[in-house]
Amino acid sequence: MKNYSVKKKYFKRYFAETGNILLEKKIASSGKNRTISKGSATMRPTLTQVAKKAGVKVSSASEILNQRKNCWSSQATRERVFAAAKELGYRPNQTARSLRSGKTKTLGVIITSHEYSYRMAGLDQAAYARKYAVILTFNANSPAMEDQLILNHMDRGVDGLIVYPSDSGPHTELRKLVEQGFPVVTFNGVGLDFECDDVSPDYICVGRLQARHLLEIGRRRICIATTTPSALINSIREKGIRRELQEHGLQKPLTFNIKYADDKESQSSEILYPQILEFITRHNGEFDSIIAFDSIATMAARAILENGLRIPEDVSIVAAGNNILSSHGILPLTSIDTSDEWIGMKAFELVTDRIDGKLPKNKLERIISSSNLIIRQSTVKKV
């Protein structure tokens, strides 16, 4: 009894200090019924409380708040229930709903690079509009991590998955989900040896657009800057570059292979930049243009300027990705916009259509985003 009195005194002081208003209830001498506080972390308004405040049955409150079609309550009663829910701060228990419907309204997302923020922005907008929760995880381009992250998401009962596959590996768990018919969509799943719902740019087209623009402005001594080992999408993009150049009689463009840590998505500029600066200094005068993706193109621009060269007069640069590095840097870079926000939105639509059973099970979807050249100061002199 003494211990309970001490605890009661402590809880009163705690709630007073945190600004909560105590709602005293019947406290039995045994201490079984405890003091509760309005708005405390341990208190959540219930459907029963909403129904009591509105003066209706719990079943009626549930039908009204869930806006069920078989609800015949009057408009006045509906308004009373919604007003009571708002005053109490009632939120539906999503766990209880998922038990009834078999759906959690939760998506798992696995991506391998922070550079896909525009895709996530599009996906988040679409998820917010449909009241879906998104659990985002990052994979350091590891096949084993990809498998484990998929299992982690499945253990948490997600309704569907959006996955950026690692560049290599058997994709064991991803393959299983596709075979089982679980709603899963990939970003850039073009390298998979099995079919899957996918939303991606056409990276051959991206490469062709980069090379074509340089050829159109009269550049012929073109350098392709890439990484080794090369990311799958960069290898595909490079095929497009080389095809375009070969069709215009350029058989052997200068190639710059930057050593990359393939188990790390966020690369250290202290490792990358010295390689870029050394190459550009050593090959100064051998090229009149560089093709790269945004982050490498940005560092190449710095190295070119450090060598006393002018952009675009001496060297032109075409990037790919059109992220903030290319669009808002001191020297805006010409780049290829691959409609990443649109990709995020379409991936959400595709996976939720699978969840809702709106698509035929025997037909997988591969959606291609548009790729557009955005011309800036790195290829055309500012007037």
Protein backbone atom coordinates (compact mmCIF):
# COMPACT_ATOMS: atom_id res chain seq x y z
CA MET A 1 0.00 0.00 0.00
CA LYS A 2 2.87 2.32 0.85
CA ASN A 3 4.53 1.56 -2.48
CA TYR A 4 1.33 2.32 -4.37
CA SER A 5 0.96 5.69 -2.61
CA VAL A 6 4.50 6.58 -3.59
CA LYS A 7 3.83 5.61 -7.21
CA LYS A 8 0.60 7.56 -7.25
CA LYS A 9 2.40 10.64 -5.93
CA TYR A 10 5.13 10.18 -8.55
CA PHE A 11 2.65 9.87 -11.43
CA LYS A 12 0.77 12.99 -10.29
CA ARG A 13 4.00 14.98 -10.21
CA TYR A 14 5.07 13.58 -13.59
CA PHE A 15 1.82 14.44 -15.35
CA ALA A 16 1.75 17.89 -13.73
CA GLU A 17 5.29 18.59 -14.91
CA THR A 18 4.54 17.49 -18.47
CA GLY A 19 1.43 19.64 -18.69
CA ASN A 20 -1.08 16.75 -18.84
CA ILE A 21 -4.45 17.15 -17.12
CA LEU A 22 -5.26 14.26 -14.82
CA LEU A 23 -8.63 12.66 -15.23
CA GLU A 24 -9.16 11.01 -11.87
CA LYS A 25 -10.97 7.69 -12.04
CA LYS A 26 -12.08 5.37 -9.29
CA ILE A 27 -8.88 4.17 -7.63
CA ALA A 28 -9.40 1.02 -5.66
CA SER A 29 -7.42 0.50 -2.49
CA SER A 30 -5.78 -2.48 -4.16
CA GLY A 31 -4.25 -0.17 -6.75
CA LYS A 32 -5.62 -2.12 -9.72
CA ASN A 33 -7.30 0.88 -11.32
CA ARG A 34 -4.70 3.51 -12.17
CA THR A 35 -4.80 7.22 -12.86
CA ILE A 36 -4.97 8.00 -16.57
CA SER A 37 -4.18 11.23 -18.37
CA LYS A 38 -5.80 12.81 -21.39
CA GLY A 39 -3.35 12.95 -24.24
CA SER A 40 -0.63 10.95 -22.52
CA ALA A 41 1.51 8.49 -24.47
CA THR A 42 -0.31 5.59 -22.79
CA MET A 43 -3.80 6.80 -23.62
CA ARG A 44 -5.43 6.48 -27.03
CA PRO A 45 -9.06 7.46 -27.61
CA THR A 46 -11.16 4.40 -28.44
CA LEU A 47 -14.11 3.81 -30.70
CA THR A 48 -16.18 3.08 -27.59
CA GLN A 49 -15.42 6.55 -26.22
CA VAL A 50 -16.39 8.17 -29.52
CA ALA A 51 -19.68 6.26 -29.58
CA LYS A 52 -20.47 7.18 -25.96
CA LYS A 53 -19.75 10.87 -26.54
CA ALA A 54 -21.89 10.91 -29.70
CA GLY A 55 -24.68 8.94 -28.06
CA VAL A 56 -24.70 6.07 -30.55
CA LYS A 57 -23.87 2.37 -30.59
CA VAL A 58 -20.27 1.33 -31.19
CA SER A 59 -21.32 -0.46 -34.39
CA SER A 60 -22.96 2.72 -35.69
CA ALA A 61 -19.86 4.80 -34.90
CA SER A 62 -17.72 2.25 -36.73
CA GLU A 63 -19.96 2.28 -39.80
CA ILE A 64 -19.96 6.09 -39.91
CA LEU A 65 -16.23 6.59 -39.37
CA ASN A 66 -15.36 3.91 -41.91
CA GLN A 67 -17.96 5.34 -44.31
CA ARG A 68 -19.43 1.93 -45.02
CA LYS A 69 -21.99 1.62 -47.77
CA ASN A 70 -24.48 -0.24 -45.52
CA CYS A 71 -24.62 2.66 -43.03
CA TRP A 72 -28.12 4.19 -42.81
CA SER A 73 -27.48 6.77 -40.08
CA SER A 74 -28.90 10.25 -40.54
CA GLN A 75 -26.74 13.20 -41.53
CA ALA A 76 -27.15 14.70 -38.06
CA THR A 77 -25.91 11.49 -36.43
CA ARG A 78 -22.95 11.32 -38.81
CA GLU A 79 -21.98 14.90 -37.99
CA ARG A 80 -22.25 14.15 -34.26
CA VAL A 81 -19.95 11.11 -34.56
CA PHE A 82 -17.34 12.93 -36.65
CA ALA A 83 -17.42 15.87 -34.23
CA ALA A 84 -16.90 13.53 -31.26
CA ALA A 85 -14.00 11.79 -33.02
CA LYS A 86 -12.36 15.11 -33.79
CA GLU A 87 -12.78 16.44 -30.25
CA LEU A 88 -11.32 13.29 -28.70
CA GLY A 89 -8.52 13.07 -31.25
CA TYR A 90 -9.65 9.60 -32.32
CA ARG A 91 -7.62 7.82 -35.00
CA PRO A 92 -8.65 4.42 -36.43
CA ASN A 93 -6.53 1.51 -35.25
CA GLN A 94 -4.78 0.45 -38.45
CA THR A 95 -3.69 -2.87 -36.93
CA ALA A 96 -7.30 -3.79 -36.19
CA ARG A 97 -8.32 -2.73 -39.67
CA SER A 98 -5.61 -4.85 -41.24
CA LEU A 99 -6.79 -7.90 -39.30
CA ARG A 100 -10.25 -7.44 -40.80
CA SER A 101 -9.18 -6.58 -44.35
CA GLY A 102 -5.95 -8.55 -44.62
CA LYS A 103 -4.17 -5.34 -45.76
CA THR A 104 -1.83 -3.10 -43.79
CA LYS A 105 -1.77 -0.09 -46.18
CA THR A 106 2.02 -0.31 -45.93
CA LEU A 107 4.61 -0.58 -48.70
CA GLY A 108 8.22 -1.65 -48.38
CA VAL A 109 10.79 0.16 -50.55
CA ILE A 110 14.38 -0.96 -51.08
CA ILE A 111 16.70 1.33 -53.01
CA THR A 112 20.45 1.29 -53.53
CA SER A 113 21.28 4.98 -53.80
CA HIS A 114 20.48 8.29 -52.16
CA GLU A 115 20.55 9.77 -55.67
CA TYR A 116 17.04 8.44 -56.31
CA SER A 117 15.45 11.07 -54.06
CA TYR A 118 13.27 12.38 -56.91
CA ARG A 119 11.77 8.94 -57.39
CA MET A 120 11.05 8.73 -53.69
CA ALA A 121 9.48 12.20 -53.79
CA GLY A 122 7.05 11.03 -56.48
CA LEU A 123 6.33 7.80 -54.67
CA ASP A 124 5.75 9.58 -51.34
CA GLN A 125 3.31 12.03 -52.95
CA ALA A 126 1.29 9.17 -54.40
CA ALA A 127 1.40 7.20 -51.12
CA TYR A 128 0.29 10.23 -49.11
CA ALA A 129 -2.70 10.76 -51.40
CA ARG A 130 -3.79 7.14 -50.86
CA LYS A 131 -2.96 7.10 -47.11
CA TYR A 132 -0.26 4.44 -47.47
CA ALA A 133 2.70 4.22 -45.11
CA VAL A 134 6.13 3.68 -46.73
CA ILE A 135 9.01 1.86 -45.04
CA LEU A 136 12.24 2.85 -46.81
CA THR A 137 15.47 0.83 -46.54
CA PHE A 138 18.84 1.14 -48.29
CA ASN A 139 20.85 -1.67 -49.82
CA ALA A 140 24.61 -1.18 -50.37
CA ASN A 141 24.32 -2.98 -53.73
CA SER A 142 24.68 -6.35 -51.99
CA PRO A 143 22.74 -9.44 -53.18
CA ALA A 144 22.75 -10.91 -49.63
CA MET A 145 21.49 -7.64 -48.14
CA GLU A 146 18.78 -7.43 -50.80
CA ASP A 147 17.48 -10.86 -49.80
CA GLN A 148 17.54 -10.03 -46.08
CA LEU A 149 15.82 -6.67 -46.51
CA ILE A 150 13.05 -8.31 -48.53
CA LEU A 151 12.54 -10.85 -45.73
CA ASN A 152 12.52 -8.04 -43.14
CA HIS A 153 9.77 -6.23 -45.03
CA MET A 154 7.74 -9.39 -45.47
CA ASP A 155 8.02 -10.12 -41.73
CA ARG A 156 6.41 -6.73 -41.10
CA GLY A 157 3.40 -7.59 -43.21
CA VAL A 158 3.77 -5.09 -46.06
CA ASP A 159 1.13 -5.28 -48.77
CA GLY A 160 3.65 -4.82 -51.57
CA LEU A 161 7.29 -4.08 -52.35
CA ILE A 162 9.19 -1.71 -54.63
CA VAL A 163 12.78 -2.85 -55.12
CA TYR A 164 15.84 -1.43 -56.82
CA PRO A 165 17.70 -4.73 -57.45
CA SER A 166 21.41 -5.04 -56.74
CA ASP A 167 23.58 -5.13 -59.86
CA SER A 168 24.47 -8.81 -59.43
CA GLY A 169 23.34 -11.95 -57.64
CA PRO A 170 20.58 -14.51 -58.05
CA HIS A 171 17.90 -12.25 -56.50
CA THR A 172 16.57 -15.29 -54.68
CA GLU A 173 13.88 -13.65 -52.54
CA LEU A 174 12.79 -11.23 -55.27
CA ARG A 175 12.40 -14.11 -57.71
CA LYS A 176 10.31 -16.05 -55.16
CA LEU A 177 7.91 -13.14 -54.68
CA VAL A 178 7.40 -12.79 -58.43
CA GLU A 179 6.77 -16.52 -58.80
CA GLN A 180 4.29 -16.43 -55.91
CA GLY A 181 2.40 -13.51 -57.45
CA PHE A 182 3.15 -11.15 -54.57
CA PRO A 183 2.80 -7.46 -55.57
CA VAL A 184 6.36 -6.34 -56.30
CA VAL A 185 7.67 -3.69 -58.72
CA THR A 186 11.29 -2.96 -59.60
CA PHE A 187 13.13 0.22 -60.47
CA ASN A 188 15.68 -0.43 -63.22
CA GLY A 189 15.00 -4.15 -63.29
CA VAL A 190 16.19 -4.37 -66.89
CA GLY A 191 19.14 -6.61 -65.97
CA LEU A 192 17.09 -9.32 -64.28
CA ASP A 193 17.00 -12.71 -65.97
CA PHE A 194 13.31 -13.08 -65.10
CA GLU A 195 10.25 -10.96 -65.83
CA CYS A 196 8.93 -8.59 -63.20
CA ASP A 197 6.67 -5.53 -63.08
CA ASP A 198 9.09 -2.66 -63.66
CA VAL A 199 9.24 1.11 -64.16
CA SER A 200 12.48 2.46 -65.65
CA PRO A 201 13.99 4.86 -68.16
CA ASP A 202 15.28 3.56 -71.48
CA TYR A 203 19.01 3.85 -70.73
CA ILE A 204 19.99 3.12 -74.34
CA CYS A 205 17.96 6.18 -75.27
CA VAL A 206 19.63 8.21 -72.50
CA GLY A 207 23.08 7.39 -73.87
CA ARG A 208 22.06 8.18 -77.43
CA LEU A 209 20.66 11.57 -76.41
CA GLN A 210 23.91 12.45 -74.63
CA ALA A 211 26.09 11.55 -77.62
CA ARG A 212 23.73 13.04 -80.21
CA HIS A 213 23.73 16.45 -78.55
CA LEU A 214 27.52 16.65 -78.58
CA LEU A 215 27.65 15.62 -82.23
CA GLU A 216 25.03 18.25 -83.10
CA ILE A 217 27.14 21.04 -81.56
CA GLY A 218 30.21 19.88 -83.49
CA ARG A 219 32.08 17.86 -80.89
CA ARG A 220 34.08 14.90 -82.27
CA ARG A 221 36.76 14.15 -79.66
CA ILE A 222 34.40 12.74 -77.08
CA CYS A 223 35.46 11.20 -73.75
CA ILE A 224 33.19 8.72 -71.95
CA ALA A 225 33.68 8.87 -68.17
CA THR A 226 32.43 5.77 -66.40
CA THR A 227 33.15 3.69 -63.32
CA THR A 228 34.80 0.33 -62.81
CA PRO A 229 33.17 -1.89 -61.89
CA SER A 230 30.36 -0.25 -63.78
CA ALA A 231 26.81 -0.10 -62.46
CA LEU A 232 24.45 -2.06 -64.69
CA ILE A 233 22.46 0.98 -65.81
CA ASN A 234 25.67 2.83 -66.69
CA SER A 235 26.81 -0.12 -68.81
CA ILE A 236 23.52 -0.02 -70.69
CA ARG A 237 23.74 3.76 -71.11
CA GLU A 238 27.28 3.41 -72.46
CA LYS A 239 26.02 0.98 -75.11
CA GLY A 240 23.65 3.69 -76.30
CA ILE A 241 26.48 6.25 -76.40
CA ARG A 242 28.75 3.98 -78.43
CA ARG A 243 25.99 3.03 -80.87
CA GLU A 244 25.26 6.69 -81.59
CA LEU A 245 28.95 7.53 -82.03
CA GLN A 246 29.59 4.50 -84.28
CA GLU A 247 26.70 5.49 -86.53
CA HIS A 248 28.51 8.82 -87.04
CA GLY A 249 31.90 7.25 -87.75
CA LEU A 250 33.44 7.58 -84.27
CA GLN A 251 34.68 4.08 -83.50
CA LYS A 252 37.00 4.53 -80.50
CA PRO A 253 36.11 7.40 -78.17
CA LEU A 254 38.46 8.12 -75.28
CA THR A 255 37.32 6.19 -72.22
CA PHE A 256 38.00 7.09 -68.59
CA ASN A 257 37.37 4.32 -66.03
CA ILE A 258 37.12 5.64 -62.48
CA LYS A 259 37.73 3.07 -59.75
CA TYR A 260 34.58 2.68 -57.72
CA ALA A 261 33.80 0.69 -54.56
CA ASP A 262 30.95 -1.50 -55.82
CA ASP A 263 29.81 -2.32 -52.26
CA LYS A 264 29.21 1.36 -51.47
CA GLU A 265 26.54 3.52 -53.01
CA SER A 266 27.77 6.78 -51.49
CA GLN A 267 31.30 7.21 -52.83
CA SER A 268 33.96 9.37 -51.21
CA SER A 269 34.88 12.46 -53.25
CA GLU A 270 38.36 12.27 -51.67
CA ILE A 271 38.86 9.02 -53.58
CA LEU A 272 37.10 9.94 -56.81
CA TYR A 273 38.22 13.50 -57.44
CA PRO A 274 42.02 12.89 -57.48
CA GLN A 275 41.46 10.22 -60.16
CA ILE A 276 39.39 12.62 -62.26
CA LEU A 277 41.83 15.51 -61.87
CA GLU A 278 44.84 13.31 -62.75
CA PHE A 279 43.13 11.95 -65.90
CA ILE A 280 42.00 15.35 -67.18
CA THR A 281 45.44 16.87 -66.51
CA ARG A 282 47.22 13.99 -68.28
CA HIS A 283 44.87 13.96 -71.29
CA ASN A 284 44.45 17.74 -71.61
CA GLY A 285 43.92 18.54 -75.30
CA GLU A 286 42.89 14.99 -76.28
CA PHE A 287 39.13 15.58 -75.88
CA ASP A 288 36.67 18.38 -76.49
CA SER A 289 33.75 16.95 -74.52
CA ILE A 290 32.86 14.58 -71.68
CA ILE A 291 29.85 12.33 -71.18
CA ALA A 292 29.14 11.14 -67.61
CA PHE A 293 26.40 10.86 -65.02
CA ASP A 294 25.68 13.88 -62.81
CA SER A 295 28.03 13.37 -59.85
CA ILE A 296 31.05 12.44 -62.01
CA ALA A 297 30.22 15.24 -64.49
CA THR A 298 30.18 17.79 -61.64
CA MET A 299 33.65 16.74 -60.45
CA ALA A 300 34.92 16.66 -64.04
CA ALA A 301 33.77 20.27 -64.50
CA ARG A 302 35.80 21.33 -61.47
CA ALA A 303 38.90 19.50 -62.73
CA ILE A 304 38.54 21.04 -66.19
CA LEU A 305 38.39 24.55 -64.72
CA GLU A 306 41.40 23.80 -62.50
CA ASN A 307 43.33 23.00 -65.67
CA GLY A 308 42.61 26.47 -66.99
CA LEU A 309 40.14 25.28 -69.62
CA ARG A 310 36.85 26.97 -70.42
CA ILE A 311 33.41 25.33 -70.38
CA PRO A 312 31.84 25.00 -72.93
CA GLU A 313 34.34 26.72 -75.29
CA ASP A 314 37.21 24.23 -74.73
CA VAL A 315 35.32 21.31 -73.27
CA SER A 316 31.58 20.60 -73.27
CA ILE A 317 29.93 18.33 -70.68
CA VAL A 318 26.73 16.29 -70.90
CA ALA A 319 25.48 14.63 -67.70
CA ALA A 320 22.63 12.21 -66.99
CA GLY A 321 20.14 12.21 -64.14
CA ASN A 322 19.33 15.93 -63.96
CA ASN A 323 19.61 16.04 -60.19
CA ILE A 324 20.38 19.08 -58.06
CA LEU A 325 24.11 18.85 -58.89
CA SER A 326 23.45 19.54 -62.56
CA SER A 327 20.54 21.94 -62.25
CA HIS A 328 21.69 24.20 -59.41
CA GLY A 329 25.48 24.11 -59.41
CA ILE A 330 27.69 27.15 -60.01
CA LEU A 331 28.04 25.86 -63.57
CA PRO A 332 24.66 24.40 -64.64
CA LEU A 333 25.19 21.18 -66.57
CA THR A 334 23.36 19.96 -69.65
CA SER A 335 21.75 16.71 -68.54
CA ILE A 336 19.15 14.08 -69.39
CA ASP A 337 15.98 14.23 -67.33
CA THR A 338 14.53 10.73 -66.94
CA SER A 339 11.25 11.82 -65.28
CA ASP A 340 12.16 10.34 -61.90
CA GLU A 341 9.21 11.78 -59.97
CA TRP A 342 6.89 10.29 -62.58
CA ILE A 343 8.70 6.94 -62.17
CA GLY A 344 8.05 7.01 -58.43
CA MET A 345 4.37 7.77 -58.93
CA LYS A 346 3.94 5.08 -61.60
CA ALA A 347 5.71 2.50 -59.42
CA PHE A 348 3.24 3.26 -56.62
CA GLU A 349 0.27 3.02 -58.98
CA LEU A 350 1.52 -0.26 -60.42
CA VAL A 351 2.16 -1.98 -57.10
CA THR A 352 -1.17 -0.82 -55.60
CA ASP A 353 -3.03 -1.95 -58.73
CA ARG A 354 -1.47 -5.38 -58.10
CA ILE A 355 -2.50 -5.22 -54.45
CA ASP A 356 -6.08 -4.32 -55.42
CA GLY A 357 -6.23 -7.05 -58.09
CA LYS A 358 -6.82 -4.62 -60.96
CA LEU A 359 -4.28 -6.21 -63.31
CA PRO A 360 -4.27 -9.65 -64.97
CA LYS A 361 -2.05 -12.07 -63.07
CA ASN A 362 -0.54 -13.61 -66.19
CA LYS A 363 0.70 -10.33 -67.67
CA LEU A 364 3.60 -8.37 -66.19
CA GLU A 365 3.99 -4.66 -66.90
CA ARG A 366 7.18 -2.88 -68.04
CA ILE A 367 6.68 0.88 -68.09
CA ILE A 368 9.26 3.17 -69.74
CA SER A 369 9.63 6.79 -68.66
CA SER A 370 10.39 9.60 -71.10
CA SER A 371 13.96 10.94 -71.34
CA ASN A 372 14.49 14.58 -72.24
CA LEU A 373 17.61 16.62 -72.97
CA ILE A 374 17.88 19.72 -70.76
CA ILE A 375 20.41 22.11 -72.33
CA ARG A 376 22.42 24.33 -69.97
CA GLN A 377 25.71 26.24 -69.85
CA SER A 378 28.03 23.23 -69.95
CA THR A 379 27.34 22.76 -73.68
CA VAL A 380 25.93 26.09 -74.86
CA LYS A 381 27.56 29.41 -73.99
CA LYS A 382 25.33 31.67 -71.96
CA VAL A 383 24.28 34.68 -74.03
